[in-house]
Amino acid sequence: MGFEKDLPPGEKMVTYFRPFLEHLVRLELSRKTIRKHADNLWILGGEIIRDLNETPSLRKVPVEELVFNVLEEGGPLLYHCDSEEQQRSFESTCRKFRRFLEQQRR
């Protein structure tokens, strides 16, 4: 856990991510694949929290807008990345999540 002020946006992100994870379960993907996407969403949330701490004015932006804006670019470049494979996996999840959100907006 980071700071107390990170809890509200973090909880909102979890609420925002949940329908996507439920969608993946309905697709009957393997547990390993769902776990990979869940882990990548956790990383995405951490990157967004980092952005909020580096740029406090972003705290005034709705979480949904923050997430969608970050996904617009294919997801952020990971701050702590172990490998190209991890970055590619993360970007894959970000693209899939963005497509899901776009379909929900229709």
N, C-alpha and C. Protein backbone atom coordinates (compact mmCIF):
# COMPACT_ATOMS: atom_id res chain seq x y z
N MET A 1 0.84 -1.18 0.00
CA MET A 1 0.00 0.00 0.00
C MET A 1 0.88 1.24 0.00
N GLY A 2 0.45 2.23 -0.71
CA GLY A 2 1.17 3.49 -0.78
C GLY A 2 0.68 4.44 0.29
N PHE A 3 -0.09 5.41 -0.12
CA PHE A 3 -0.59 6.44 0.78
C PHE A 3 -2.09 6.29 0.98
N GLU A 4 -2.58 6.78 2.10
CA GLU A 4 -4.01 6.73 2.41
C GLU A 4 -4.84 7.38 1.28
N LYS A 5 -4.31 8.47 0.71
CA LYS A 5 -5.04 9.19 -0.34
C LYS A 5 -5.16 8.37 -1.63
N ASP A 6 -4.39 7.29 -1.74
CA ASP A 6 -4.45 6.44 -2.94
C ASP A 6 -5.58 5.42 -2.88
N LEU A 7 -6.15 5.21 -1.69
CA LEU A 7 -7.21 4.20 -1.54
C LEU A 7 -8.47 4.51 -2.35
N PRO A 8 -9.03 5.73 -2.27
CA PRO A 8 -10.25 5.98 -3.05
C PRO A 8 -10.08 5.78 -4.56
N PRO A 9 -9.03 6.33 -5.21
CA PRO A 9 -8.92 6.07 -6.65
C PRO A 9 -8.63 4.59 -6.93
N GLY A 10 -7.88 3.94 -6.03
CA GLY A 10 -7.60 2.52 -6.21
C GLY A 10 -8.87 1.68 -6.16
N GLU A 11 -9.74 1.99 -5.21
CA GLU A 11 -11.01 1.26 -5.10
C GLU A 11 -11.90 1.52 -6.33
N LYS A 12 -11.88 2.74 -6.83
CA LYS A 12 -12.67 3.05 -8.03
C LYS A 12 -12.13 2.28 -9.23
N MET A 13 -10.81 2.16 -9.32
CA MET A 13 -10.23 1.40 -10.44
C MET A 13 -10.63 -0.07 -10.36
N VAL A 14 -10.59 -0.64 -9.16
CA VAL A 14 -10.99 -2.05 -9.01
C VAL A 14 -12.43 -2.23 -9.49
N THR A 15 -13.30 -1.31 -9.12
CA THR A 15 -14.69 -1.36 -9.56
C THR A 15 -14.79 -1.25 -11.09
N TYR A 16 -13.94 -0.42 -11.66
CA TYR A 16 -13.93 -0.20 -13.11
C TYR A 16 -13.34 -1.41 -13.85
N PHE A 17 -12.35 -2.09 -13.24
CA PHE A 17 -11.70 -3.25 -13.86
C PHE A 17 -12.56 -4.51 -13.78
N ARG A 18 -13.39 -4.61 -12.75
CA ARG A 18 -14.13 -5.85 -12.47
C ARG A 18 -14.98 -6.35 -13.65
N PRO A 19 -15.77 -5.51 -14.34
CA PRO A 19 -16.55 -6.03 -15.46
C PRO A 19 -15.69 -6.67 -16.56
N PHE A 20 -14.49 -6.12 -16.77
CA PHE A 20 -13.59 -6.70 -17.76
C PHE A 20 -13.13 -8.08 -17.33
N LEU A 21 -12.78 -8.22 -16.07
CA LEU A 21 -12.36 -9.54 -15.57
C LEU A 21 -13.51 -10.54 -15.63
N GLU A 22 -14.71 -10.09 -15.31
CA GLU A 22 -15.88 -10.98 -15.40
C GLU A 22 -16.12 -11.39 -16.85
N HIS A 23 -15.90 -10.47 -17.77
CA HIS A 23 -16.02 -10.77 -19.21
C HIS A 23 -15.01 -11.86 -19.60
N LEU A 24 -13.78 -11.75 -19.11
CA LEU A 24 -12.76 -12.75 -19.44
C LEU A 24 -13.16 -14.12 -18.91
N VAL A 25 -13.74 -14.15 -17.71
CA VAL A 25 -14.20 -15.43 -17.13
C VAL A 25 -15.30 -16.02 -18.01
N ARG A 26 -16.23 -15.18 -18.46
CA ARG A 26 -17.33 -15.67 -19.33
C ARG A 26 -16.80 -16.23 -20.64
N LEU A 27 -15.65 -15.74 -21.09
CA LEU A 27 -15.05 -16.26 -22.33
C LEU A 27 -14.43 -17.64 -22.12
N GLU A 28 -14.43 -18.09 -20.87
CA GLU A 28 -13.87 -19.39 -20.50
C GLU A 28 -12.40 -19.52 -20.87
N LEU A 29 -11.66 -18.43 -20.66
CA LEU A 29 -10.22 -18.47 -20.86
C LEU A 29 -9.59 -19.31 -19.75
N SER A 30 -8.38 -19.75 -19.97
CA SER A 30 -7.71 -20.55 -18.95
C SER A 30 -7.45 -19.69 -17.71
N ARG A 31 -7.31 -20.38 -16.59
CA ARG A 31 -7.02 -19.66 -15.34
C ARG A 31 -5.72 -18.88 -15.45
N LYS A 32 -4.75 -19.46 -16.15
CA LYS A 32 -3.45 -18.81 -16.31
C LYS A 32 -3.60 -17.51 -17.11
N THR A 33 -4.40 -17.54 -18.16
CA THR A 33 -4.61 -16.34 -18.98
C THR A 33 -5.35 -15.27 -18.19
N ILE A 34 -6.37 -15.66 -17.47
CA ILE A 34 -7.12 -14.70 -16.66
C ILE A 34 -6.21 -14.10 -15.59
N ARG A 35 -5.39 -14.93 -14.97
CA ARG A 35 -4.45 -14.45 -13.95
C ARG A 35 -3.48 -13.44 -14.57
N LYS A 36 -3.00 -13.73 -15.80
CA LYS A 36 -2.08 -12.82 -16.47
C LYS A 36 -2.73 -11.46 -16.67
N HIS A 37 -3.98 -11.45 -17.15
CA HIS A 37 -4.69 -10.19 -17.37
C HIS A 37 -4.96 -9.47 -16.04
N ALA A 38 -5.32 -10.23 -15.01
CA ALA A 38 -5.56 -9.62 -13.69
C ALA A 38 -4.27 -9.00 -13.15
N ASP A 39 -3.16 -9.70 -13.30
CA ASP A 39 -1.87 -9.15 -12.85
C ASP A 39 -1.53 -7.88 -13.62
N ASN A 40 -1.79 -7.88 -14.91
CA ASN A 40 -1.50 -6.70 -15.72
C ASN A 40 -2.41 -5.53 -15.36
N LEU A 41 -3.65 -5.80 -15.00
CA LEU A 41 -4.53 -4.72 -14.54
C LEU A 41 -4.02 -4.15 -13.22
N TRP A 42 -3.50 -5.01 -12.36
CA TRP A 42 -2.93 -4.56 -11.09
C TRP A 42 -1.76 -3.61 -11.37
N ILE A 43 -0.93 -3.98 -12.34
CA ILE A 43 0.20 -3.13 -12.73
C ILE A 43 -0.31 -1.81 -13.31
N LEU A 44 -1.34 -1.88 -14.15
CA LEU A 44 -1.93 -0.66 -14.73
C LEU A 44 -2.41 0.27 -13.62
N GLY A 45 -3.09 -0.28 -12.64
CA GLY A 45 -3.56 0.53 -11.53
C GLY A 45 -2.40 1.19 -10.79
N GLY A 46 -1.32 0.45 -10.60
CA GLY A 46 -0.15 1.00 -9.93
C GLY A 46 0.48 2.13 -10.72
N GLU A 47 0.52 1.98 -12.03
CA GLU A 47 1.08 3.03 -12.89
C GLU A 47 0.22 4.29 -12.82
N ILE A 48 -1.09 4.11 -12.77
CA ILE A 48 -1.99 5.26 -12.69
C ILE A 48 -1.85 5.95 -11.33
N ILE A 49 -1.75 5.17 -10.27
CA ILE A 49 -1.53 5.75 -8.93
C ILE A 49 -0.22 6.54 -8.92
N ARG A 50 0.81 6.01 -9.55
CA ARG A 50 2.09 6.72 -9.63
C ARG A 50 1.88 8.06 -10.34
N ASP A 51 1.11 8.05 -11.44
CA ASP A 51 0.81 9.29 -12.16
C ASP A 51 0.09 10.29 -11.25
N LEU A 52 -0.84 9.80 -10.45
CA LEU A 52 -1.58 10.68 -9.54
C LEU A 52 -0.66 11.34 -8.53
N ASN A 53 0.33 10.59 -8.07
CA ASN A 53 1.26 11.14 -7.09
C ASN A 53 2.26 12.09 -7.72
N GLU A 54 2.62 11.85 -8.97
CA GLU A 54 3.56 12.73 -9.66
C GLU A 54 2.89 13.99 -10.18
N THR A 55 1.59 13.88 -10.50
CA THR A 55 0.84 15.01 -11.04
C THR A 55 -0.47 15.13 -10.24
N PRO A 56 -0.42 15.79 -9.08
CA PRO A 56 -1.59 15.86 -8.19
C PRO A 56 -2.86 16.41 -8.85
N SER A 57 -2.73 17.25 -9.86
CA SER A 57 -3.93 17.79 -10.52
C SER A 57 -4.77 16.70 -11.19
N LEU A 58 -4.16 15.54 -11.47
CA LEU A 58 -4.90 14.42 -12.08
C LEU A 58 -5.93 13.84 -11.12
N ARG A 59 -5.79 14.11 -9.83
CA ARG A 59 -6.75 13.58 -8.85
C ARG A 59 -8.14 14.15 -9.06
N LYS A 60 -8.23 15.27 -9.78
CA LYS A 60 -9.54 15.88 -10.06
C LYS A 60 -10.23 15.23 -11.26
N VAL A 61 -9.49 14.43 -12.02
CA VAL A 61 -10.03 13.76 -13.22
C VAL A 61 -10.70 12.45 -12.79
N PRO A 62 -11.90 12.16 -13.31
CA PRO A 62 -12.55 10.89 -12.96
C PRO A 62 -11.66 9.69 -13.33
N VAL A 63 -11.67 8.69 -12.48
CA VAL A 63 -10.83 7.51 -12.68
C VAL A 63 -11.08 6.88 -14.06
N GLU A 64 -12.34 6.80 -14.45
CA GLU A 64 -12.66 6.20 -15.75
C GLU A 64 -11.95 6.94 -16.88
N GLU A 65 -11.92 8.24 -16.79
CA GLU A 65 -11.25 9.05 -17.82
C GLU A 65 -9.74 8.83 -17.77
N LEU A 66 -9.18 8.78 -16.59
CA LEU A 66 -7.74 8.53 -16.45
C LEU A 66 -7.35 7.20 -17.10
N VAL A 67 -8.10 6.16 -16.77
CA VAL A 67 -7.81 4.83 -17.31
C VAL A 67 -7.94 4.84 -18.82
N PHE A 68 -9.03 5.36 -19.33
CA PHE A 68 -9.26 5.36 -20.77
C PHE A 68 -8.17 6.14 -21.49
N ASN A 69 -7.76 7.29 -20.93
CA ASN A 69 -6.71 8.09 -21.55
C ASN A 69 -5.38 7.35 -21.61
N VAL A 70 -5.06 6.65 -20.54
CA VAL A 70 -3.81 5.88 -20.52
C VAL A 70 -3.87 4.76 -21.56
N LEU A 71 -5.04 4.14 -21.69
CA LEU A 71 -5.20 3.04 -22.64
C LEU A 71 -5.19 3.53 -24.09
N GLU A 72 -5.54 4.80 -24.29
CA GLU A 72 -5.59 5.37 -25.63
C GLU A 72 -4.24 5.23 -26.33
N GLU A 73 -3.19 5.29 -25.56
CA GLU A 73 -1.84 5.19 -26.12
C GLU A 73 -1.32 3.76 -26.10
N GLY A 74 -2.18 2.79 -25.82
CA GLY A 74 -1.77 1.40 -25.76
C GLY A 74 -1.25 0.98 -24.41
N GLY A 75 -1.41 1.85 -23.44
CA GLY A 75 -0.92 1.57 -22.09
C GLY A 75 0.42 2.26 -21.88
N PRO A 76 0.74 2.52 -20.62
CA PRO A 76 1.99 3.22 -20.33
C PRO A 76 3.21 2.30 -20.48
N LEU A 77 4.35 2.90 -20.68
CA LEU A 77 5.60 2.17 -20.61
C LEU A 77 5.83 1.87 -19.13
N LEU A 78 6.06 0.62 -18.81
CA LEU A 78 6.17 0.23 -17.41
C LEU A 78 7.40 0.83 -16.75
N TYR A 79 7.19 1.35 -15.57
CA TYR A 79 8.26 1.98 -14.79
C TYR A 79 9.30 0.93 -14.37
N HIS A 80 8.82 -0.17 -13.84
CA HIS A 80 9.69 -1.29 -13.47
C HIS A 80 9.31 -2.47 -14.36
N CYS A 81 10.10 -2.69 -15.39
CA CYS A 81 9.80 -3.77 -16.32
C CYS A 81 10.97 -4.75 -16.33
N ASP A 82 10.65 -6.03 -16.13
CA ASP A 82 11.68 -7.06 -16.07
C ASP A 82 12.15 -7.50 -17.46
N SER A 83 11.26 -7.38 -18.45
CA SER A 83 11.61 -7.89 -19.77
C SER A 83 10.69 -7.30 -20.84
N GLU A 84 11.12 -7.47 -22.09
CA GLU A 84 10.27 -7.07 -23.21
C GLU A 84 8.99 -7.89 -23.22
N GLU A 85 9.11 -9.14 -22.83
CA GLU A 85 7.95 -10.02 -22.80
C GLU A 85 6.89 -9.50 -21.83
N GLN A 86 7.34 -9.02 -20.67
CA GLN A 86 6.40 -8.46 -19.69
C GLN A 86 5.72 -7.22 -20.26
N GLN A 87 6.47 -6.36 -20.94
CA GLN A 87 5.88 -5.15 -21.53
C GLN A 87 4.87 -5.54 -22.61
N ARG A 88 5.20 -6.52 -23.44
CA ARG A 88 4.28 -6.96 -24.50
C ARG A 88 3.00 -7.54 -23.91
N SER A 89 3.15 -8.35 -22.85
CA SER A 89 1.98 -8.94 -22.19
C SER A 89 1.09 -7.83 -21.63
N PHE A 90 1.71 -6.85 -20.98
CA PHE A 90 0.98 -5.72 -20.41
C PHE A 90 0.25 -4.95 -21.51
N GLU A 91 0.93 -4.67 -22.61
CA GLU A 91 0.30 -3.94 -23.72
C GLU A 91 -0.85 -4.72 -24.32
N SER A 92 -0.71 -6.03 -24.38
CA SER A 92 -1.79 -6.89 -24.89
C SER A 92 -3.04 -6.75 -24.03
N THR A 93 -2.86 -6.79 -22.71
CA THR A 93 -3.98 -6.62 -21.79
C THR A 93 -4.60 -5.24 -21.97
N CYS A 94 -3.76 -4.21 -22.09
CA CYS A 94 -4.26 -2.84 -22.25
C CYS A 94 -5.10 -2.72 -23.52
N ARG A 95 -4.64 -3.31 -24.62
CA ARG A 95 -5.40 -3.25 -25.88
C ARG A 95 -6.74 -3.98 -25.73
N LYS A 96 -6.70 -5.15 -25.12
CA LYS A 96 -7.92 -5.94 -24.92
C LYS A 96 -8.91 -5.19 -24.03
N PHE A 97 -8.41 -4.58 -22.97
CA PHE A 97 -9.26 -3.82 -22.05
C PHE A 97 -9.86 -2.61 -22.76
N ARG A 98 -9.07 -1.92 -23.57
CA ARG A 98 -9.57 -0.76 -24.31
C ARG A 98 -10.69 -1.17 -25.27
N ARG A 99 -10.50 -2.27 -25.99
CA ARG A 99 -11.55 -2.75 -26.90
C ARG A 99 -12.83 -3.06 -26.12
N PHE A 100 -12.67 -3.69 -24.96
CA PHE A 100 -13.82 -3.99 -24.11
C PHE A 100 -14.55 -2.70 -23.72
N LEU A 101 -13.80 -1.70 -23.28
CA LEU A 101 -14.41 -0.43 -22.86
C LEU A 101 -15.10 0.27 -24.02
N GLU A 102 -14.50 0.21 -25.19
CA GLU A 102 -15.11 0.84 -26.37
C GLU A 102 -16.43 0.15 -26.71
N GLN A 103 -16.48 -1.16 -26.59
CA GLN A 103 -17.73 -1.89 -26.86
C GLN A 103 -18.79 -1.54 -25.82
N GLN A 104 -18.38 -1.32 -24.58
CA GLN A 104 -19.33 -0.97 -23.53
C GLN A 104 -19.91 0.42 -23.74
N ARG A 105 -19.16 1.30 -24.36
CA ARG A 105 -19.61 2.68 -24.59
C ARG A 105 -20.65 2.77 -25.69
N ARG A 106 -20.75 1.76 -26.54
CA ARG A 106 -21.70 1.79 -27.66
C ARG A 106 -23.10 1.55 -27.23
